Amino acid sequence: MEQRRTRRFTLQLPVSITRNGTERTMQSGLTKNISSGGVLFTAEKEPGLGASIEYVIAIGGPADQRVSLRCIGKVLRANRSDAGESAYDIAATLERYEFLHAEE
């Protein structure tokens, strides 16, 4: 039986990858689950295993109170997704984060 250190929450939220290693990029996808230590999401391109990654998760809220979470982590794994031929399931750590308001 698999035991995880932290609880995972199944959430489908928009995510955009803004940096993959040293390369600036813009990819979009959806989260599958989130925990305090990491996130599993889908994206169109496979990132480098072990590479640093910066991604932004749109949390939402009323129009005047929208919040996003900008995260820095490392890519733990990337596998072909069941969602489609050109999609990948990407597991990344969540090492640092900051909240952003809609105007940022």
PDB file of N, CA and C in Angstrom:
ATOM      1  N   MET A   1       0.839  -1.188   0.000  1.00  0.00           N
ATOM      2  CA  MET A   1       0.000   0.000   0.000  1.00  0.00           C
ATOM      3  C   MET A   1       0.883   1.251   0.000  1.00  0.00           C
ATOM      4  N   GLU A   2       0.569   2.169  -0.886  1.00  0.00           N
ATOM      5  CA  GLU A   2       1.354   3.398  -1.010  1.00  0.00           C
ATOM      6  C   GLU A   2       0.984   4.376   0.110  1.00  0.00           C
ATOM      7  N   GLN A   3       2.006   4.914   0.783  1.00  0.00           N
ATOM      8  CA  GLN A   3       1.770   5.902   1.822  1.00  0.00           C
ATOM      9  C   GLN A   3       2.522   7.169   1.472  1.00  0.00           C
ATOM     10  N   ARG A   4       1.815   8.265   1.462  1.00  0.00           N
ATOM     11  CA  ARG A   4       2.418   9.555   1.136  1.00  0.00           C
ATOM     12  C   ARG A   4       2.598  10.348   2.413  1.00  0.00           C
ATOM     13  N   ARG A   5       3.595  11.246   2.372  1.00  0.00           N
ATOM     14  CA  ARG A   5       3.865  12.077   3.545  1.00  0.00           C
ATOM     15  C   ARG A   5       2.845  13.185   3.715  1.00  0.00           C
ATOM     16  N   THR A   6       2.302  13.675   2.604  1.00  0.00           N
ATOM     17  CA  THR A   6       1.338  14.774   2.683  1.00  0.00           C
ATOM     18  C   THR A   6       0.069  14.407   1.932  1.00  0.00           C
ATOM     19  N   ARG A   7      -1.013  15.005   2.340  1.00  0.00           N
ATOM     20  CA  ARG A   7      -2.313  14.750   1.711  1.00  0.00           C
ATOM     21  C   ARG A   7      -2.375  15.431   0.350  1.00  0.00           C
ATOM     22  N   ARG A   8      -2.924  14.746  -0.638  1.00  0.00           N
ATOM     23  CA  ARG A   8      -3.104  15.298  -1.979  1.00  0.00           C
ATOM     24  C   ARG A   8      -4.561  15.671  -2.179  1.00  0.00           C
ATOM     25  N   PHE A   9      -4.743  16.795  -2.865  1.00  0.00           N
ATOM     26  CA  PHE A   9      -6.085  17.266  -3.169  1.00  0.00           C
ATOM     27  C   PHE A   9      -6.281  17.222  -4.673  1.00  0.00           C
ATOM     28  N   THR A  10      -7.333  16.543  -5.118  1.00  0.00           N
ATOM     29  CA  THR A  10      -7.647  16.463  -6.537  1.00  0.00           C
ATOM     30  C   THR A  10      -8.295  17.771  -6.958  1.00  0.00           C
ATOM     31  N   LEU A  11      -7.558  18.566  -7.727  1.00  0.00           N
ATOM     32  CA  LEU A  11      -8.038  19.868  -8.188  1.00  0.00           C
ATOM     33  C   LEU A  11      -7.653  20.054  -9.640  1.00  0.00           C
ATOM     34  N   GLN A  12      -8.574  20.501 -10.449  1.00  0.00           N
ATOM     35  CA  GLN A  12      -8.284  20.833 -11.843  1.00  0.00           C
ATOM     36  C   GLN A  12      -8.302  22.344 -11.967  1.00  0.00           C
ATOM     37  N   LEU A  13      -7.104  22.921 -11.938  1.00  0.00           N
ATOM     38  CA  LEU A  13      -6.933  24.364 -12.036  1.00  0.00           C
ATOM     39  C   LEU A  13      -6.013  24.682 -13.202  1.00  0.00           C
ATOM     40  N   PRO A  14      -6.215  25.827 -13.863  1.00  0.00           N
ATOM     41  CA  PRO A  14      -5.302  26.211 -14.947  1.00  0.00           C
ATOM     42  C   PRO A  14      -3.892  26.434 -14.404  1.00  0.00           C
ATOM     43  N   VAL A  15      -2.916  25.929 -15.142  1.00  0.00           N
ATOM     44  CA  VAL A  15      -1.515  26.124 -14.762  1.00  0.00           C
ATOM     45  C   VAL A  15      -0.751  26.560 -16.004  1.00  0.00           C
ATOM     46  N   SER A  16       0.212  27.456 -15.819  1.00  0.00           N
ATOM     47  CA  SER A  16       1.076  27.835 -16.929  1.00  0.00           C
ATOM     48  C   SER A  16       2.523  27.725 -16.477  1.00  0.00           C
ATOM     49  N   ILE A  17       3.323  27.083 -17.328  1.00  0.00           N
ATOM     50  CA  ILE A  17       4.754  26.944 -17.052  1.00  0.00           C
ATOM     51  C   ILE A  17       5.422  28.170 -17.651  1.00  0.00           C
ATOM     52  N   THR A  18       6.148  28.915 -16.825  1.00  0.00           N
ATOM     53  CA  THR A  18       6.786  30.138 -17.309  1.00  0.00           C
ATOM     54  C   THR A  18       8.286  29.985 -17.507  1.00  0.00           C
ATOM     55  N   ARG A  19       8.890  28.999 -16.828  1.00  0.00           N
ATOM     56  CA  ARG A  19      10.330  28.772 -16.982  1.00  0.00           C
ATOM     57  C   ARG A  19      10.607  27.292 -16.807  1.00  0.00           C
ATOM     58  N   ASN A  20      11.420  26.752 -17.717  1.00  0.00           N
ATOM     59  CA  ASN A  20      11.829  25.355 -17.680  1.00  0.00           C
ATOM     60  C   ASN A  20      13.348  25.347 -17.705  1.00  0.00           C
ATOM     61  N   GLY A  21      13.972  25.117 -16.549  1.00  0.00           N
ATOM     62  CA  GLY A  21      15.423  25.230 -16.451  1.00  0.00           C
ATOM     63  C   GLY A  21      15.803  26.691 -16.624  1.00  0.00           C
ATOM     64  N   THR A  22      16.714  26.991 -17.528  1.00  0.00           N
ATOM     65  CA  THR A  22      17.100  28.380 -17.784  1.00  0.00           C
ATOM     66  C   THR A  22      16.297  28.988 -18.925  1.00  0.00           C
ATOM     67  N   GLU A  23      15.464  28.185 -19.576  1.00  0.00           N
ATOM     68  CA  GLU A  23      14.698  28.624 -20.748  1.00  0.00           C
ATOM     69  C   GLU A  23      13.352  29.207 -20.341  1.00  0.00           C
ATOM     70  N   ARG A  24      13.072  30.415 -20.807  1.00  0.00           N
ATOM     71  CA  ARG A  24      11.764  31.039 -20.601  1.00  0.00           C
ATOM     72  C   ARG A  24      10.787  30.389 -21.575  1.00  0.00           C
ATOM     73  N   THR A  25       9.618  30.014 -21.108  1.00  0.00           N
ATOM     74  CA  THR A  25       8.652  29.316 -21.946  1.00  0.00           C
ATOM     75  C   THR A  25       7.235  29.708 -21.550  1.00  0.00           C
ATOM     76  N   MET A  26       6.288  29.444 -22.380  1.00  0.00           N
ATOM     77  CA  MET A  26       4.880  29.640 -22.038  1.00  0.00           C
ATOM     78  C   MET A  26       4.117  28.410 -22.507  1.00  0.00           C
ATOM     79  N   GLN A  27       3.737  27.599 -21.549  1.00  0.00           N
ATOM     80  CA  GLN A  27       2.923  26.409 -21.805  1.00  0.00           C
ATOM     81  C   GLN A  27       1.739  26.463 -20.867  1.00  0.00           C
ATOM     82  N   SER A  28       0.643  25.905 -21.282  1.00  0.00           N
ATOM     83  CA  SER A  28      -0.501  25.860 -20.378  1.00  0.00           C
ATOM     84  C   SER A  28      -0.937  24.419 -20.173  1.00  0.00           C
ATOM     85  N   GLY A  29      -1.649  24.195 -19.103  1.00  0.00           N
ATOM     86  CA  GLY A  29      -2.148  22.869 -18.787  1.00  0.00           C
ATOM     87  C   GLY A  29      -3.141  22.946 -17.648  1.00  0.00           C
ATOM     88  N   LEU A  30      -3.400  21.796 -17.026  1.00  0.00           N
ATOM     89  CA  LEU A  30      -4.313  21.708 -15.892  1.00  0.00           C
ATOM     90  C   LEU A  30      -3.674  20.880 -14.793  1.00  0.00           C
ATOM     91  N   THR A  31      -3.897  21.290 -13.559  1.00  0.00           N
ATOM     92  CA  THR A  31      -3.438  20.479 -12.441  1.00  0.00           C
ATOM     93  C   THR A  31      -4.323  19.239 -12.343  1.00  0.00           C
ATOM     94  N   LYS A  32      -3.747  18.169 -11.829  1.00  0.00           N
ATOM     95  CA  LYS A  32      -4.519  16.958 -11.531  1.00  0.00           C
ATOM     96  C   LYS A  32      -4.672  16.818 -10.021  1.00  0.00           C
ATOM     97  N   ASN A  33      -3.556  17.037  -9.306  1.00  0.00           N
ATOM     98  CA  ASN A  33      -3.619  17.051  -7.852  1.00  0.00           C
ATOM     99  C   ASN A  33      -2.499  17.911  -7.291  1.00  0.00           C
ATOM    100  N   ILE A  34      -2.721  18.377  -6.070  1.00  0.00           N
ATOM    101  CA  ILE A  34      -1.789  19.290  -5.411  1.00  0.00           C
ATOM    102  C   ILE A  34      -1.630  18.848  -3.965  1.00  0.00           C
ATOM    103  N   SER A  35      -0.402  18.938  -3.459  1.00  0.00           N
ATOM    104  CA  SER A  35      -0.134  18.728  -2.041  1.00  0.00           C
ATOM    105  C   SER A  35       0.775  19.861  -1.577  1.00  0.00           C
ATOM    106  N   SER A  36       1.098  19.874  -0.308  1.00  0.00           N
ATOM    107  CA  SER A  36       1.981  20.926   0.194  1.00  0.00           C
ATOM    108  C   SER A  36       3.402  20.767  -0.330  1.00  0.00           C
ATOM    109  N   GLY A  37       3.743  19.603  -0.851  1.00  0.00           N
ATOM    110  CA  GLY A  37       5.104  19.357  -1.335  1.00  0.00           C
ATOM    111  C   GLY A  37       5.258  19.290  -2.844  1.00  0.00           C
ATOM    112  N   GLY A  38       4.132  19.284  -3.581  1.00  0.00           N
ATOM    113  CA  GLY A  38       4.261  19.170  -5.027  1.00  0.00           C
ATOM    114  C   GLY A  38       2.938  19.203  -5.746  1.00  0.00           C
ATOM    115  N   VAL A  39       3.036  19.076  -7.065  1.00  0.00           N
ATOM    116  CA  VAL A  39       1.855  19.157  -7.911  1.00  0.00           C
ATOM    117  C   VAL A  39       2.011  18.195  -9.090  1.00  0.00           C
ATOM    118  N   LEU A  40       0.906  17.638  -9.540  1.00  0.00           N
ATOM    119  CA  LEU A  40       0.866  16.828 -10.753  1.00  0.00           C
ATOM    120  C   LEU A  40      -0.018  17.569 -11.732  1.00  0.00           C
ATOM    121  N   PHE A  41       0.513  17.873 -12.923  1.00  0.00           N
ATOM    122  CA  PHE A  41      -0.259  18.609 -13.915  1.00  0.00           C
ATOM    123  C   PHE A  41       0.054  18.104 -15.304  1.00  0.00           C
ATOM    124  N   THR A  42      -0.774  18.499 -16.264  1.00  0.00           N
ATOM    125  CA  THR A  42      -0.553  18.132 -17.658  1.00  0.00           C
ATOM    126  C   THR A  42       0.046  19.331 -18.390  1.00  0.00           C
ATOM    127  N   ALA A  43       0.851  19.054 -19.412  1.00  0.00           N
ATOM    128  CA  ALA A  43       1.425  20.099 -20.268  1.00  0.00           C
ATOM    129  C   ALA A  43       1.717  19.492 -21.626  1.00  0.00           C
ATOM    130  N   GLU A  44       1.956  20.360 -22.617  1.00  0.00           N
ATOM    131  CA  GLU A  44       2.156  19.901 -23.991  1.00  0.00           C
ATOM    132  C   GLU A  44       3.560  19.379 -24.266  1.00  0.00           C
ATOM    133  N   LYS A  45       4.574  19.939 -23.583  1.00  0.00           N
ATOM    134  CA  LYS A  45       5.956  19.540 -23.826  1.00  0.00           C
ATOM    135  C   LYS A  45       6.533  18.859 -22.599  1.00  0.00           C
ATOM    136  N   GLU A  46       7.429  17.943 -22.851  1.00  0.00           N
ATOM    137  CA  GLU A  46       8.088  17.227 -21.763  1.00  0.00           C
ATOM    138  C   GLU A  46       9.262  18.056 -21.248  1.00  0.00           C
ATOM    139  N   PRO A  47       9.261  18.415 -19.977  1.00  0.00           N
ATOM    140  CA  PRO A  47      10.389  19.159 -19.418  1.00  0.00           C
ATOM    141  C   PRO A  47      11.539  18.223 -19.076  1.00  0.00           C
ATOM    142  N   GLY A  48      12.718  18.784 -18.879  1.00  0.00           N
ATOM    143  CA  GLY A  48      13.884  17.986 -18.513  1.00  0.00           C
ATOM    144  C   GLY A  48      13.771  17.448 -17.104  1.00  0.00           C
ATOM    145  N   LEU A  49      14.005  16.172 -16.923  1.00  0.00           N
ATOM    146  CA  LEU A  49      13.956  15.539 -15.614  1.00  0.00           C
ATOM    147  C   LEU A  49      14.997  16.166 -14.702  1.00  0.00           C
ATOM    148  N   GLY A  50      14.605  16.574 -13.514  1.00  0.00           N
ATOM    149  CA  GLY A  50      15.499  17.198 -12.553  1.00  0.00           C
ATOM    150  C   GLY A  50      15.686  18.689 -12.764  1.00  0.00           C
ATOM    151  N   ALA A  51      15.131  19.220 -13.846  1.00  0.00           N
ATOM    152  CA  ALA A  51      15.293  20.648 -14.153  1.00  0.00           C
ATOM    153  C   ALA A  51      14.469  21.508 -13.206  1.00  0.00           C
ATOM    154  N   SER A  52      14.949  22.711 -12.973  1.00  0.00           N
ATOM    155  CA  SER A  52      14.156  23.691 -12.235  1.00  0.00           C
ATOM    156  C   SER A  52      12.979  24.094 -13.104  1.00  0.00           C
ATOM    157  N   ILE A  53      11.865  24.377 -12.456  1.00  0.00           N
ATOM    158  CA  ILE A  53      10.665  24.756 -13.194  1.00  0.00           C
ATOM    159  C   ILE A  53       9.931  25.833 -12.403  1.00  0.00           C
ATOM    160  N   GLU A  54       9.391  26.784 -13.127  1.00  0.00           N
ATOM    161  CA  GLU A  54       8.550  27.819 -12.521  1.00  0.00           C
ATOM    162  C   GLU A  54       7.179  27.695 -13.164  1.00  0.00           C
ATOM    163  N   TYR A  55       6.146  27.635 -12.344  1.00  0.00           N
ATOM    164  CA  TYR A  55       4.794  27.487 -12.858  1.00  0.00           C
ATOM    165  C   TYR A  55       3.831  28.317 -12.020  1.00  0.00           C
ATOM    166  N   VAL A  56       2.758  28.743 -12.660  1.00  0.00           N
ATOM    167  CA  VAL A  56       1.761  29.585 -12.007  1.00  0.00           C
ATOM    168  C   VAL A  56       0.416  28.866 -12.054  1.00  0.00           C
ATOM    169  N   ILE A  57      -0.193  28.691 -10.885  1.00  0.00           N
ATOM    170  CA  ILE A  57      -1.496  28.043 -10.770  1.00  0.00           C
ATOM    171  C   ILE A  57      -2.541  29.123 -10.510  1.00  0.00           C
ATOM    172  N   ALA A  58      -3.548  29.211 -11.376  1.00  0.00           N
ATOM    173  CA  ALA A  58      -4.627  30.184 -11.218  1.00  0.00           C
ATOM    174  C   ALA A  58      -5.656  29.616 -10.248  1.00  0.00           C
ATOM    175  N   ILE A  59      -5.768  30.242  -9.091  1.00  0.00           N
ATOM    176  CA  ILE A  59      -6.675  29.741  -8.064  1.00  0.00           C
ATOM    177  C   ILE A  59      -8.081  30.265  -8.270  1.00  0.00           C
ATOM    178  N   GLY A  60      -8.211  31.501  -8.749  1.00  0.00           N
ATOM    179  CA  GLY A  60      -9.533  32.045  -9.050  1.00  0.00           C
ATOM    180  C   GLY A  60     -10.068  32.936  -7.954  1.00  0.00           C
ATOM    181  N   GLY A  61     -11.375  33.040  -7.898  1.00  0.00           N
ATOM    182  CA  GLY A  61     -12.055  33.909  -6.955  1.00  0.00           C
ATOM    183  C   GLY A  61     -12.847  34.961  -7.702  1.00  0.00           C
ATOM    184  N   PRO A  62     -13.537  35.827  -6.965  1.00  0.00           N
ATOM    185  CA  PRO A  62     -14.273  36.914  -7.612  1.00  0.00           C
ATOM    186  C   PRO A  62     -13.326  37.783  -8.442  1.00  0.00           C
ATOM    187  N   ALA A  63     -13.862  38.431  -9.477  1.00  0.00           N
ATOM    188  CA  ALA A  63     -13.034  39.190 -10.430  1.00  0.00           C
ATOM    189  C   ALA A  63     -12.077  40.157  -9.746  1.00  0.00           C
ATOM    190  N   ASP A  64     -12.507  40.818  -8.690  1.00  0.00           N
ATOM    191  CA  ASP A  64     -11.650  41.795  -8.029  1.00  0.00           C
ATOM    192  C   ASP A  64     -10.721  41.175  -6.988  1.00  0.00           C
ATOM    193  N   GLN A  65     -10.785  39.846  -6.800  1.00  0.00           N
ATOM    194  CA  GLN A  65      -9.960  39.188  -5.792  1.00  0.00           C
ATOM    195  C   GLN A  65      -9.244  37.947  -6.341  1.00  0.00           C
ATOM    196  N   ARG A  66      -9.049  37.873  -7.657  1.00  0.00           N
ATOM    197  CA  ARG A  66      -8.402  36.701  -8.251  1.00  0.00           C
ATOM    198  C   ARG A  66      -6.969  36.571  -7.741  1.00  0.00           C
ATOM    199  N   VAL A  67      -6.588  35.336  -7.472  1.00  0.00           N
ATOM    200  CA  VAL A  67      -5.260  35.053  -6.925  1.00  0.00           C
ATOM    201  C   VAL A  67      -4.644  33.901  -7.706  1.00  0.00           C
ATOM    202  N   SER A  68      -3.339  33.999  -7.914  1.00  0.00           N
ATOM    203  CA  SER A  68      -2.573  32.912  -8.508  1.00  0.00           C
ATOM    204  C   SER A  68      -1.423  32.571  -7.574  1.00  0.00           C
ATOM    205  N   LEU A  69      -0.885  31.397  -7.747  1.00  0.00           N
ATOM    206  CA  LEU A  69       0.227  30.925  -6.942  1.00  0.00           C
ATOM    207  C   LEU A  69       1.414  30.696  -7.871  1.00  0.00           C
ATOM    208  N   ARG A  70       2.481  31.497  -7.723  1.00  0.00           N
ATOM    209  CA  ARG A  70       3.692  31.300  -8.524  1.00  0.00           C
ATOM    210  C   ARG A  70       4.605  30.366  -7.729  1.00  0.00           C
ATOM    211  N   CYS A  71       4.986  29.251  -8.364  1.00  0.00           N
ATOM    212  CA  CYS A  71       5.739  28.197  -7.681  1.00  0.00           C
ATOM    213  C   CYS A  71       7.080  27.949  -8.362  1.00  0.00           C
ATOM    214  N   ILE A  72       8.060  27.589  -7.558  1.00  0.00           N
ATOM    215  CA  ILE A  72       9.374  27.176  -8.033  1.00  0.00           C
ATOM    216  C   ILE A  72       9.593  25.756  -7.504  1.00  0.00           C
ATOM    217  N   GLY A  73      10.050  24.868  -8.385  1.00  0.00           N
ATOM    218  CA  GLY A  73      10.307  23.498  -7.964  1.00  0.00           C
ATOM    219  C   GLY A  73      11.225  22.795  -8.932  1.00  0.00           C
ATOM    220  N   LYS A  74      11.238  21.481  -8.842  1.00  0.00           N
ATOM    221  CA  LYS A  74      12.037  20.639  -9.736  1.00  0.00           C
ATOM    222  C   LYS A  74      11.138  19.558 -10.325  1.00  0.00           C
ATOM    223  N   VAL A  75      11.430  19.190 -11.563  1.00  0.00           N
ATOM    224  CA  VAL A  75      10.667  18.151 -12.239  1.00  0.00           C
ATOM    225  C   VAL A  75      11.107  16.782 -11.704  1.00  0.00           C
ATOM    226  N   LEU A  76      10.165  16.030 -11.168  1.00  0.00           N
ATOM    227  CA  LEU A  76      10.462  14.696 -10.637  1.00  0.00           C
ATOM    228  C   LEU A  76      10.261  13.612 -11.682  1.00  0.00           C
ATOM    229  N   ARG A  77       9.200  13.760 -12.485  1.00  0.00           N
ATOM    230  CA  ARG A  77       8.942  12.794 -13.553  1.00  0.00           C
ATOM    231  C   ARG A  77       8.004  13.402 -14.580  1.00  0.00           C
ATOM    232  N   ALA A  78       8.054  12.849 -15.790  1.00  0.00           N
ATOM    233  CA  ALA A  78       7.157  13.256 -16.869  1.00  0.00           C
ATOM    234  C   ALA A  78       6.838  12.016 -17.686  1.00  0.00           C
ATOM    235  N   ASN A  79       5.558  11.711 -17.797  1.00  0.00           N
ATOM    236  CA  ASN A  79       5.093  10.536 -18.536  1.00  0.00           C
ATOM    237  C   ASN A  79       4.031  10.963 -19.542  1.00  0.00           C
ATOM    238  N   ARG A  80       3.900  10.202 -20.619  1.00  0.00           N
ATOM    239  CA  ARG A  80       2.809  10.452 -21.570  1.00  0.00           C
ATOM    240  C   ARG A  80       1.487  10.376 -20.814  1.00  0.00           C
ATOM    241  N   SER A  81       0.619  11.321 -21.107  1.00  0.00           N
ATOM    242  CA  SER A  81      -0.665  11.399 -20.432  1.00  0.00           C
ATOM    243  C   SER A  81      -1.709  10.563 -21.159  1.00  0.00           C
ATOM    244  N   ASP A  82      -2.708  10.127 -20.426  1.00  0.00           N
ATOM    245  CA  ASP A  82      -3.865   9.458 -21.023  1.00  0.00           C
ATOM    246  C   ASP A  82      -4.738  10.473 -21.759  1.00  0.00           C
ATOM    247  N   ALA A  83      -4.506  11.770 -21.481  1.00  0.00           N
ATOM    248  CA  ALA A  83      -5.337  12.841 -22.042  1.00  0.00           C
ATOM    249  C   ALA A  83      -5.119  13.049 -23.532  1.00  0.00           C
ATOM    250  N   GLY A  84      -4.016  12.592 -24.064  1.00  0.00           N
ATOM    251  CA  GLY A  84      -3.768  12.788 -25.488  1.00  0.00           C
ATOM    252  C   GLY A  84      -2.329  12.470 -25.846  1.00  0.00           C
ATOM    253  N   GLU A  85      -2.089  12.280 -27.134  1.00  0.00           N
ATOM    254  CA  GLU A  85      -0.772  11.894 -27.613  1.00  0.00           C
ATOM    255  C   GLU A  85       0.292  12.951 -27.349  1.00  0.00           C
ATOM    256  N   SER A  86      -0.095  14.234 -27.411  1.00  0.00           N
ATOM    257  CA  SER A  86       0.891  15.292 -27.261  1.00  0.00           C
ATOM    258  C   SER A  86       0.905  15.889 -25.858  1.00  0.00           C
ATOM    259  N   ALA A  87       0.330  15.191 -24.905  1.00  0.00           N
ATOM    260  CA  ALA A  87       0.286  15.700 -23.535  1.00  0.00           C
ATOM    261  C   ALA A  87       1.150  14.832 -22.610  1.00  0.00           C
ATOM    262  N   TYR A  88       1.676  15.484 -21.572  1.00  0.00           N
ATOM    263  CA  TYR A  88       2.492  14.808 -20.568  1.00  0.00           C
ATOM    264  C   TYR A  88       1.923  15.076 -19.187  1.00  0.00           C
ATOM    265  N   ASP A  89       1.987  14.077 -18.319  1.00  0.00           N
ATOM    266  CA  ASP A  89       1.714  14.258 -16.900  1.00  0.00           C
ATOM    267  C   ASP A  89       3.062  14.575 -16.261  1.00  0.00           C
ATOM    268  N   ILE A  90       3.135  15.707 -15.583  1.00  0.00           N
ATOM    269  CA  ILE A  90       4.390  16.163 -15.012  1.00  0.00           C
ATOM    270  C   ILE A  90       4.239  16.282 -13.504  1.00  0.00           C
ATOM    271  N   ALA A  91       5.131  15.639 -12.774  1.00  0.00           N
ATOM    272  CA  ALA A  91       5.169  15.755 -11.317  1.00  0.00           C
ATOM    273  C   ALA A  91       6.328  16.678 -10.973  1.00  0.00           C
ATOM    274  N   ALA A  92       6.037  17.723 -10.202  1.00  0.00           N
ATOM    275  CA  ALA A  92       7.063  18.686  -9.813  1.00  0.00           C
ATOM    276  C   ALA A  92       6.939  18.990  -8.328  1.00  0.00           C
ATOM    277  N   THR A  93       8.083  19.280  -7.714  1.00  0.00           N
ATOM    278  CA  THR A  93       8.065  19.680  -6.317  1.00  0.00           C
ATOM    279  C   THR A  93       7.545  21.106  -6.207  1.00  0.00           C
ATOM    280  N   LEU A  94       7.161  21.467  -5.020  1.00  0.00           N
ATOM    281  CA  LEU A  94       6.735  22.827  -4.721  1.00  0.00           C
ATOM    282  C   LEU A  94       7.664  23.299  -3.600  1.00  0.00           C
ATOM    283  N   GLU A  95       8.798  23.897  -3.987  1.00  0.00           N
ATOM    284  CA  GLU A  95       9.818  24.276  -3.013  1.00  0.00           C
ATOM    285  C   GLU A  95       9.626  25.686  -2.467  1.00  0.00           C
ATOM    286  N   ARG A  96       9.215  26.604  -3.354  1.00  0.00           N
ATOM    287  CA  ARG A  96       8.949  27.990  -2.942  1.00  0.00           C
ATOM    288  C   ARG A  96       7.700  28.461  -3.675  1.00  0.00           C
ATOM    289  N   TYR A  97       6.975  29.371  -3.055  1.00  0.00           N
ATOM    290  CA  TYR A  97       5.793  29.908  -3.719  1.00  0.00           C
ATOM    291  C   TYR A  97       5.510  31.318  -3.219  1.00  0.00           C
ATOM    292  N   GLU A  98       4.747  32.052  -4.012  1.00  0.00           N
ATOM    293  CA  GLU A  98       4.251  33.348  -3.607  1.00  0.00           C
ATOM    294  C   GLU A  98       2.880  33.556  -4.234  1.00  0.00           C
ATOM    295  N   PHE A  99       2.028  34.272  -3.502  1.00  0.00           N
ATOM    296  CA  PHE A  99       0.704  34.594  -4.020  1.00  0.00           C
ATOM    297  C   PHE A  99       0.788  35.841  -4.876  1.00  0.00           C
ATOM    298  N   LEU A 100       0.072  35.831  -5.998  1.00  0.00           N
ATOM    299  CA  LEU A 100      -0.003  36.983  -6.894  1.00  0.00           C
ATOM    300  C   LEU A 100      -1.461  37.396  -7.021  1.00  0.00           C
ATOM    301  N   HIS A 101      -1.722  38.694  -6.968  1.00  0.00           N
ATOM    302  CA  HIS A 101      -3.068  39.196  -7.215  1.00  0.00           C
ATOM    303  C   HIS A 101      -3.216  39.440  -8.706  1.00  0.00           C
ATOM    304  N   ALA A 102      -4.435  39.537  -9.183  1.00  0.00           N
ATOM    305  CA  ALA A 102      -4.738  39.633 -10.625  1.00  0.00           C
ATOM    306  C   ALA A 102      -3.943  40.723 -11.327  1.00  0.00           C
ATOM    307  N   GLU A 103      -3.667  41.836 -10.682  1.00  0.00           N
ATOM    308  CA  GLU A 103      -2.974  42.929 -11.347  1.00  0.00           C
ATOM    309  C   GLU A 103      -1.468  42.726 -11.452  1.00  0.00           C
ATOM    310  N   GLU A 104      -0.892  41.678 -10.828  1.00  0.00           N
ATOM    311  CA  GLU A 104       0.562  41.466 -10.858  1.00  0.00           C
ATOM    312  C   GLU A 104       1.009  40.762 -12.092  1.00  0.00           C
TER     313      GLU A 104
END
